[in-house]
Amino acid sequence: MHAPALEATYPITFQQEVAEKLGEYLRQRQCVDIVGMKRVGISNFLRFFLWHKDIIPTYISKKDKHLFIPVDLNDLVEQEIYPFWTLTLKRILDATDQSGLSDMVKQKISDLFDKSIQFQDLFLVIDNIRQALSLLVDSGVYPTIFFLRFDRLKDTFNPSLFDNFEIFVQNISLSLFNAETQTIMMRELAKRFCFIFDESLTFEYFLEQM
């Protein structure tokens, strides 16, 4: 969760045109696809956008509160659905702990994570993610989850994964922010997510493949 030194020190004008467009989409809470081949600099740009301290006031909003939640799937030991959602909830907790949110909100999200670890139930973890995101929104924060190196789950894609996301759709406004590469699996994933999510939704998911 610590800022990579190199990308955090890039000048704020780095990839300015792309950053302006991305910031506008985040400000409007819209669904977006970033399409590119491997090794064209998507990962480099995302690390800059995630970690540079001036990104939010420069490209998104000087008054609204935004919370970036990076979920790097390189940290995923088991490439399975339950560990994936557990890691997601842990990163929501980590980002919240490092934010300026109240101790009460931090404790509530910590309790949700502890309960998930205690019972180790998939549906409980997913519902606790929903509750954690709801707490952030109720606190006046716009959370954005960045799923990095999402291709690590390519062998795990199945209907249950999409069903899990649909649970969020039924309970919380969600939208998809997809950094797509030129692979059939990622293209199909983007199509399915674009079918599930629409422009009226209010969270972003950022999927990225190295």
C-alpha atoms as a PDB file:
ATOM      1  CA  MET A   1       0.000   0.000   0.000  1.00  0.00           C
ATOM      2  CA  HIS A   2       3.031   2.309   0.089  1.00  0.00           C
ATOM      3  CA  ALA A   3       3.601   4.629  -2.874  1.00  0.00           C
ATOM      4  CA  PRO A   4       6.172   3.404  -5.396  1.00  0.00           C
ATOM      5  CA  ALA A   5       8.880   6.092  -5.269  1.00  0.00           C
ATOM      6  CA  LEU A   6       9.426   6.430  -9.022  1.00  0.00           C
ATOM      7  CA  GLU A   7       5.841   6.919 -10.183  1.00  0.00           C
ATOM      8  CA  ALA A   8       4.992   9.098  -7.178  1.00  0.00           C
ATOM      9  CA  THR A   9       7.699  11.573  -8.193  1.00  0.00           C
ATOM     10  CA  TYR A  10       6.714  11.903 -11.856  1.00  0.00           C
ATOM     11  CA  PRO A  11       5.748  15.464 -12.860  1.00  0.00           C
ATOM     12  CA  ILE A  12       2.002  16.030 -12.652  1.00  0.00           C
ATOM     13  CA  THR A  13       2.021  16.704 -16.409  1.00  0.00           C
ATOM     14  CA  PHE A  14       3.035  13.107 -17.146  1.00  0.00           C
ATOM     15  CA  GLN A  15       0.578  11.708 -19.729  1.00  0.00           C
ATOM     16  CA  GLN A  16      -1.500  14.831 -19.119  1.00  0.00           C
ATOM     17  CA  GLU A  17      -4.064  14.235 -21.856  1.00  0.00           C
ATOM     18  CA  VAL A  18      -4.787  10.699 -20.661  1.00  0.00           C
ATOM     19  CA  ALA A  19      -4.865  11.784 -17.015  1.00  0.00           C
ATOM     20  CA  GLU A  20      -7.347  14.569 -17.824  1.00  0.00           C
ATOM     21  CA  LYS A  21      -9.661  12.145 -19.598  1.00  0.00           C
ATOM     22  CA  LEU A  22      -9.415   9.586 -16.824  1.00  0.00           C
ATOM     23  CA  GLY A  23     -10.041  12.253 -14.203  1.00  0.00           C
ATOM     24  CA  GLU A  24     -13.140  13.433 -16.056  1.00  0.00           C
ATOM     25  CA  TYR A  25     -14.550   9.907 -16.195  1.00  0.00           C
ATOM     26  CA  LEU A  26     -13.910   9.439 -12.474  1.00  0.00           C
ATOM     27  CA  ARG A  27     -15.504  12.789 -11.712  1.00  0.00           C
ATOM     28  CA  GLN A  28     -18.616  11.766 -13.645  1.00  0.00           C
ATOM     29  CA  ARG A  29     -18.496   8.207 -12.242  1.00  0.00           C
ATOM     30  CA  GLN A  30     -18.725   6.693 -15.725  1.00  0.00           C
ATOM     31  CA  CYS A  31     -17.754   3.296 -17.123  1.00  0.00           C
ATOM     32  CA  VAL A  32     -14.566   3.304 -19.195  1.00  0.00           C
ATOM     33  CA  ASP A  33     -12.454   0.834 -21.169  1.00  0.00           C
ATOM     34  CA  ILE A  34      -8.725   1.418 -21.639  1.00  0.00           C
ATOM     35  CA  VAL A  35      -7.576  -0.662 -24.602  1.00  0.00           C
ATOM     36  CA  GLY A  36      -3.931  -1.389 -25.311  1.00  0.00           C
ATOM     37  CA  MET A  37      -1.407  -4.126 -25.960  1.00  0.00           C
ATOM     38  CA  LYS A  38       1.024  -5.372 -23.339  1.00  0.00           C
ATOM     39  CA  ARG A  39       4.071  -3.242 -22.562  1.00  0.00           C
ATOM     40  CA  VAL A  40       2.625   0.029 -23.910  1.00  0.00           C
ATOM     41  CA  GLY A  41       2.827   1.799 -20.544  1.00  0.00           C
ATOM     42  CA  ILE A  42      -0.623   1.193 -19.027  1.00  0.00           C
ATOM     43  CA  SER A  43       0.778  -0.175 -15.765  1.00  0.00           C
ATOM     44  CA  ASN A  44       3.279   2.660 -15.534  1.00  0.00           C
ATOM     45  CA  PHE A  45       0.541   5.258 -15.998  1.00  0.00           C
ATOM     46  CA  LEU A  46      -1.774   3.580 -13.483  1.00  0.00           C
ATOM     47  CA  ARG A  47       0.907   3.579 -10.797  1.00  0.00           C
ATOM     48  CA  PHE A  48       1.442   7.279 -11.453  1.00  0.00           C
ATOM     49  CA  PHE A  49      -2.292   7.967 -11.290  1.00  0.00           C
ATOM     50  CA  LEU A  50      -2.720   5.934  -8.115  1.00  0.00           C
ATOM     51  CA  TRP A  51       0.190   7.298  -6.120  1.00  0.00           C
ATOM     52  CA  HIS A  52       0.893  10.889  -7.157  1.00  0.00           C
ATOM     53  CA  LYS A  53      -0.336  13.151  -4.350  1.00  0.00           C
ATOM     54  CA  ASP A  54      -1.656  15.842  -6.702  1.00  0.00           C
ATOM     55  CA  ILE A  55      -3.752  13.611  -8.975  1.00  0.00           C
ATOM     56  CA  ILE A  56      -7.119  14.064  -7.236  1.00  0.00           C
ATOM     57  CA  PRO A  57      -7.055  17.878  -6.850  1.00  0.00           C
ATOM     58  CA  THR A  58      -5.530  18.364 -10.312  1.00  0.00           C
ATOM     59  CA  TYR A  59      -7.594  15.985 -12.433  1.00  0.00           C
ATOM     60  CA  ILE A  60     -10.679  14.970 -10.447  1.00  0.00           C
ATOM     61  CA  SER A  61     -11.904  17.429  -7.822  1.00  0.00           C
ATOM     62  CA  LYS A  62     -10.564  19.998  -5.386  1.00  0.00           C
ATOM     63  CA  LYS A  63     -13.573  19.616  -3.077  1.00  0.00           C
ATOM     64  CA  ASP A  64     -14.933  16.042  -3.335  1.00  0.00           C
ATOM     65  CA  LYS A  65     -13.285  13.270  -1.347  1.00  0.00           C
ATOM     66  CA  HIS A  66     -11.998  10.330  -3.389  1.00  0.00           C
ATOM     67  CA  LEU A  67     -10.424   7.167  -2.039  1.00  0.00           C
ATOM     68  CA  PHE A  68      -8.319   5.003  -4.357  1.00  0.00           C
ATOM     69  CA  ILE A  69      -8.209   1.332  -3.365  1.00  0.00           C
ATOM     70  CA  PRO A  70      -5.535  -0.610  -5.319  1.00  0.00           C
ATOM     71  CA  VAL A  71      -5.933  -4.394  -5.263  1.00  0.00           C
ATOM     72  CA  ASP A  72      -2.798  -5.955  -6.751  1.00  0.00           C
ATOM     73  CA  LEU A  73      -3.496  -9.581  -7.620  1.00  0.00           C
ATOM     74  CA  ASN A  74       0.215 -10.339  -7.416  1.00  0.00           C
ATOM     75  CA  ASP A  75      -0.519 -10.419  -3.683  1.00  0.00           C
ATOM     76  CA  LEU A  76      -2.994 -13.241  -4.256  1.00  0.00           C
ATOM     77  CA  VAL A  77      -1.428 -16.523  -3.138  1.00  0.00           C
ATOM     78  CA  GLU A  78      -4.370 -18.707  -4.183  1.00  0.00           C
ATOM     79  CA  GLN A  79      -5.937 -17.793  -7.506  1.00  0.00           C
ATOM     80  CA  GLU A  80      -9.451 -18.616  -6.370  1.00  0.00           C
ATOM     81  CA  ILE A  81     -12.650 -16.632  -5.899  1.00  0.00           C
ATOM     82  CA  TYR A  82     -12.785 -16.607  -2.084  1.00  0.00           C
ATOM     83  CA  PRO A  83      -9.173 -15.409  -1.579  1.00  0.00           C
ATOM     84  CA  PHE A  84      -9.769 -12.789  -4.289  1.00  0.00           C
ATOM     85  CA  TRP A  85     -12.708 -11.239  -2.432  1.00  0.00           C
ATOM     86  CA  THR A  86     -10.905 -11.528   0.907  1.00  0.00           C
ATOM     87  CA  LEU A  87      -7.935  -9.633  -0.546  1.00  0.00           C
ATOM     88  CA  THR A  88     -10.342  -7.016  -1.901  1.00  0.00           C
ATOM     89  CA  LEU A  89     -11.866  -6.470   1.531  1.00  0.00           C
ATOM     90  CA  LYS A  90      -8.398  -6.323   3.120  1.00  0.00           C
ATOM     91  CA  ARG A  91      -7.311  -3.610   0.676  1.00  0.00           C
ATOM     92  CA  ILE A  92     -10.486  -1.636   1.396  1.00  0.00           C
ATOM     93  CA  LEU A  93      -9.520  -1.823   5.069  1.00  0.00           C
ATOM     94  CA  ASP A  94      -5.905  -0.827   4.325  1.00  0.00           C
ATOM     95  CA  ALA A  95      -6.936   2.191   2.249  1.00  0.00           C
ATOM     96  CA  THR A  96      -9.436   3.258   4.901  1.00  0.00           C
ATOM     97  CA  ASP A  97      -6.850   2.977   7.683  1.00  0.00           C
ATOM     98  CA  GLN A  98      -4.483   5.253   5.735  1.00  0.00           C
ATOM     99  CA  SER A  99      -7.205   7.811   5.015  1.00  0.00           C
ATOM    100  CA  GLY A 100      -8.482  10.714   7.030  1.00  0.00           C
ATOM    101  CA  LEU A 101     -11.797   9.031   7.763  1.00  0.00           C
ATOM    102  CA  SER A 102     -13.114   8.850  11.314  1.00  0.00           C
ATOM    103  CA  ASP A 103     -11.942   6.192  13.756  1.00  0.00           C
ATOM    104  CA  MET A 104     -15.528   4.954  13.944  1.00  0.00           C
ATOM    105  CA  VAL A 105     -15.647   4.175  10.211  1.00  0.00           C
ATOM    106  CA  LYS A 106     -12.206   2.557  10.349  1.00  0.00           C
ATOM    107  CA  GLN A 107     -13.250   0.372  13.275  1.00  0.00           C
ATOM    108  CA  LYS A 108     -16.493  -0.709  11.596  1.00  0.00           C
ATOM    109  CA  ILE A 109     -14.640  -1.793   8.448  1.00  0.00           C
ATOM    110  CA  SER A 110     -12.013  -3.528  10.584  1.00  0.00           C
ATOM    111  CA  ASP A 111     -14.785  -5.422  12.367  1.00  0.00           C
ATOM    112  CA  LEU A 112     -16.253  -6.486   9.008  1.00  0.00           C
ATOM    113  CA  PHE A 113     -12.877  -7.850   7.927  1.00  0.00           C
ATOM    114  CA  ASP A 114     -12.321  -9.671  11.237  1.00  0.00           C
ATOM    115  CA  LYS A 115     -15.750 -11.274  10.953  1.00  0.00           C
ATOM    116  CA  SER A 116     -14.971 -12.415   7.408  1.00  0.00           C
ATOM    117  CA  ILE A 117     -11.723 -14.051   8.537  1.00  0.00           C
ATOM    118  CA  GLN A 118     -13.461 -15.697  11.478  1.00  0.00           C
ATOM    119  CA  PHE A 119     -16.279 -17.346   9.501  1.00  0.00           C
ATOM    120  CA  GLN A 120     -14.533 -17.798   6.108  1.00  0.00           C
ATOM    121  CA  ASP A 121     -17.799 -17.739   4.204  1.00  0.00           C
ATOM    122  CA  LEU A 122     -17.813 -16.418   0.618  1.00  0.00           C
ATOM    123  CA  PHE A 123     -21.220 -14.787   0.784  1.00  0.00           C
ATOM    124  CA  LEU A 124     -20.373 -13.129   4.092  1.00  0.00           C
ATOM    125  CA  VAL A 125     -17.175 -11.676   2.622  1.00  0.00           C
ATOM    126  CA  ILE A 126     -19.076 -10.279  -0.362  1.00  0.00           C
ATOM    127  CA  ASP A 127     -21.765  -8.784   1.834  1.00  0.00           C
ATOM    128  CA  ASN A 128     -19.114  -7.252   4.097  1.00  0.00           C
ATOM    129  CA  ILE A 129     -17.499  -5.639   1.054  1.00  0.00           C
ATOM    130  CA  ARG A 130     -20.888  -4.173   0.200  1.00  0.00           C
ATOM    131  CA  GLN A 131     -21.264  -2.862   3.745  1.00  0.00           C
ATOM    132  CA  ALA A 132     -17.742  -1.420   3.763  1.00  0.00           C
ATOM    133  CA  LEU A 133     -18.314   0.441   0.494  1.00  0.00           C
ATOM    134  CA  SER A 134     -21.653   1.705   1.786  1.00  0.00           C
ATOM    135  CA  LEU A 135     -19.905   3.048   4.901  1.00  0.00           C
ATOM    136  CA  LEU A 136     -17.428   4.928   2.715  1.00  0.00           C
ATOM    137  CA  VAL A 137     -20.165   6.431   0.571  1.00  0.00           C
ATOM    138  CA  ASP A 138     -22.208   7.387   3.635  1.00  0.00           C
ATOM    139  CA  SER A 139     -19.093   9.156   4.925  1.00  0.00           C
ATOM    140  CA  GLY A 140     -19.025  11.366   1.840  1.00  0.00           C
ATOM    141  CA  VAL A 141     -16.234   9.491   0.044  1.00  0.00           C
ATOM    142  CA  TYR A 142     -16.109   8.303  -3.566  1.00  0.00           C
ATOM    143  CA  PRO A 143     -14.261   4.937  -3.463  1.00  0.00           C
ATOM    144  CA  THR A 144     -12.538   3.624  -6.577  1.00  0.00           C
ATOM    145  CA  ILE A 145     -11.177   0.074  -6.590  1.00  0.00           C
ATOM    146  CA  PHE A 146      -8.290  -0.585  -8.983  1.00  0.00           C
ATOM    147  CA  PHE A 147      -7.880  -4.303  -9.710  1.00  0.00           C
ATOM    148  CA  LEU A 148      -4.272  -4.586 -10.895  1.00  0.00           C
ATOM    149  CA  ARG A 149      -2.939  -7.619 -12.800  1.00  0.00           C
ATOM    150  CA  PHE A 150      -6.444  -8.982 -13.029  1.00  0.00           C
ATOM    151  CA  ASP A 151      -5.268 -11.460 -15.680  1.00  0.00           C
ATOM    152  CA  ARG A 152      -4.007 -13.653 -12.827  1.00  0.00           C
ATOM    153  CA  LEU A 153      -7.623 -14.795 -12.426  1.00  0.00           C
ATOM    154  CA  LYS A 154      -8.009 -15.743 -16.082  1.00  0.00           C
ATOM    155  CA  ASP A 155      -8.206 -19.451 -15.229  1.00  0.00           C
ATOM    156  CA  THR A 156     -10.761 -18.777 -12.503  1.00  0.00           C
ATOM    157  CA  PHE A 157     -13.336 -16.869 -14.560  1.00  0.00           C
ATOM    158  CA  ASN A 158     -16.687 -18.607 -14.152  1.00  0.00           C
ATOM    159  CA  PRO A 159     -20.364 -17.660 -13.730  1.00  0.00           C
ATOM    160  CA  SER A 160     -19.993 -17.444  -9.944  1.00  0.00           C
ATOM    161  CA  LEU A 161     -17.488 -14.599 -10.286  1.00  0.00           C
ATOM    162  CA  PHE A 162     -19.984 -12.565 -12.279  1.00  0.00           C
ATOM    163  CA  ASP A 163     -22.758 -13.563  -9.878  1.00  0.00           C
ATOM    164  CA  ASN A 164     -20.662 -12.095  -7.066  1.00  0.00           C
ATOM    165  CA  PHE A 165     -20.458  -8.774  -8.883  1.00  0.00           C
ATOM    166  CA  GLU A 166     -24.189  -8.880  -9.551  1.00  0.00           C
ATOM    167  CA  ILE A 167     -24.758  -8.981  -5.797  1.00  0.00           C
ATOM    168  CA  PHE A 168     -23.142  -5.554  -5.637  1.00  0.00           C
ATOM    169  CA  VAL A 169     -25.304  -4.342  -8.500  1.00  0.00           C
ATOM    170  CA  GLN A 170     -28.448  -5.391  -6.635  1.00  0.00           C
ATOM    171  CA  ASN A 171     -27.442  -3.578  -3.448  1.00  0.00           C
ATOM    172  CA  ILE A 172     -25.050  -0.754  -4.324  1.00  0.00           C
ATOM    173  CA  SER A 173     -24.621   1.449  -7.392  1.00  0.00           C
ATOM    174  CA  LEU A 174     -21.556   0.151  -9.249  1.00  0.00           C
ATOM    175  CA  SER A 175     -19.773   0.898 -12.457  1.00  0.00           C
ATOM    176  CA  LEU A 176     -16.855  -0.702 -14.255  1.00  0.00           C
ATOM    177  CA  PHE A 177     -13.591   0.968 -15.107  1.00  0.00           C
ATOM    178  CA  ASN A 178     -11.750  -1.517 -17.272  1.00  0.00           C
ATOM    179  CA  ALA A 179      -8.150  -1.297 -18.451  1.00  0.00           C
ATOM    180  CA  GLU A 180      -8.319  -3.847 -21.221  1.00  0.00           C
ATOM    181  CA  THR A 181      -5.520  -5.600 -23.110  1.00  0.00           C
ATOM    182  CA  GLN A 182      -5.670  -7.438 -26.374  1.00  0.00           C
ATOM    183  CA  THR A 183      -6.724 -10.844 -25.067  1.00  0.00           C
ATOM    184  CA  ILE A 184      -9.935 -12.687 -25.832  1.00  0.00           C
ATOM    185  CA  MET A 185     -10.594 -13.363 -22.152  1.00  0.00           C
ATOM    186  CA  MET A 186     -10.250  -9.718 -21.148  1.00  0.00           C
ATOM    187  CA  ARG A 187     -12.420  -8.580 -24.083  1.00  0.00           C
ATOM    188  CA  GLU A 188     -15.142 -11.029 -23.084  1.00  0.00           C
ATOM    189  CA  LEU A 189     -14.852  -9.909 -19.465  1.00  0.00           C
ATOM    190  CA  ALA A 190     -15.282  -6.273 -20.472  1.00  0.00           C
ATOM    191  CA  LYS A 191     -18.329  -7.121 -22.592  1.00  0.00           C
ATOM    192  CA  ARG A 192     -19.950  -8.974 -19.713  1.00  0.00           C
ATOM    193  CA  PHE A 193     -19.222  -6.204 -17.233  1.00  0.00           C
ATOM    194  CA  CYS A 194     -20.456  -3.517 -19.598  1.00  0.00           C
ATOM    195  CA  PHE A 195     -23.652  -5.516 -19.857  1.00  0.00           C
ATOM    196  CA  ILE A 196     -23.988  -5.658 -16.071  1.00  0.00           C
ATOM    197  CA  PHE A 197     -23.016  -2.047 -15.298  1.00  0.00           C
ATOM    198  CA  ASP A 198     -24.300   1.167 -16.856  1.00  0.00           C
ATOM    199  CA  GLU A 199     -23.596   4.906 -16.726  1.00  0.00           C
ATOM    200  CA  SER A 200     -26.005   5.544 -13.867  1.00  0.00           C
ATOM    201  CA  LEU A 201     -23.723   3.733 -11.436  1.00  0.00           C
ATOM    202  CA  THR A 202     -21.260   5.212  -8.986  1.00  0.00           C
ATOM    203  CA  PHE A 203     -18.272   3.007  -8.130  1.00  0.00           C
ATOM    204  CA  GLU A 204     -15.399   2.266 -10.482  1.00  0.00           C
ATOM    205  CA  TYR A 205     -13.585  -1.008 -10.868  1.00  0.00           C
ATOM    206  CA  PHE A 206     -10.251  -0.723 -12.621  1.00  0.00           C
ATOM    207  CA  LEU A 207      -9.080  -3.967 -14.226  1.00  0.00           C
ATOM    208  CA  GLU A 208      -5.541  -4.009 -15.482  1.00  0.00           C
ATOM    209  CA  GLN A 209      -3.253  -6.612 -17.062  1.00  0.00           C
ATOM    210  CA  MET A 210       0.510  -6.147 -17.158  1.00  0.00           C
END
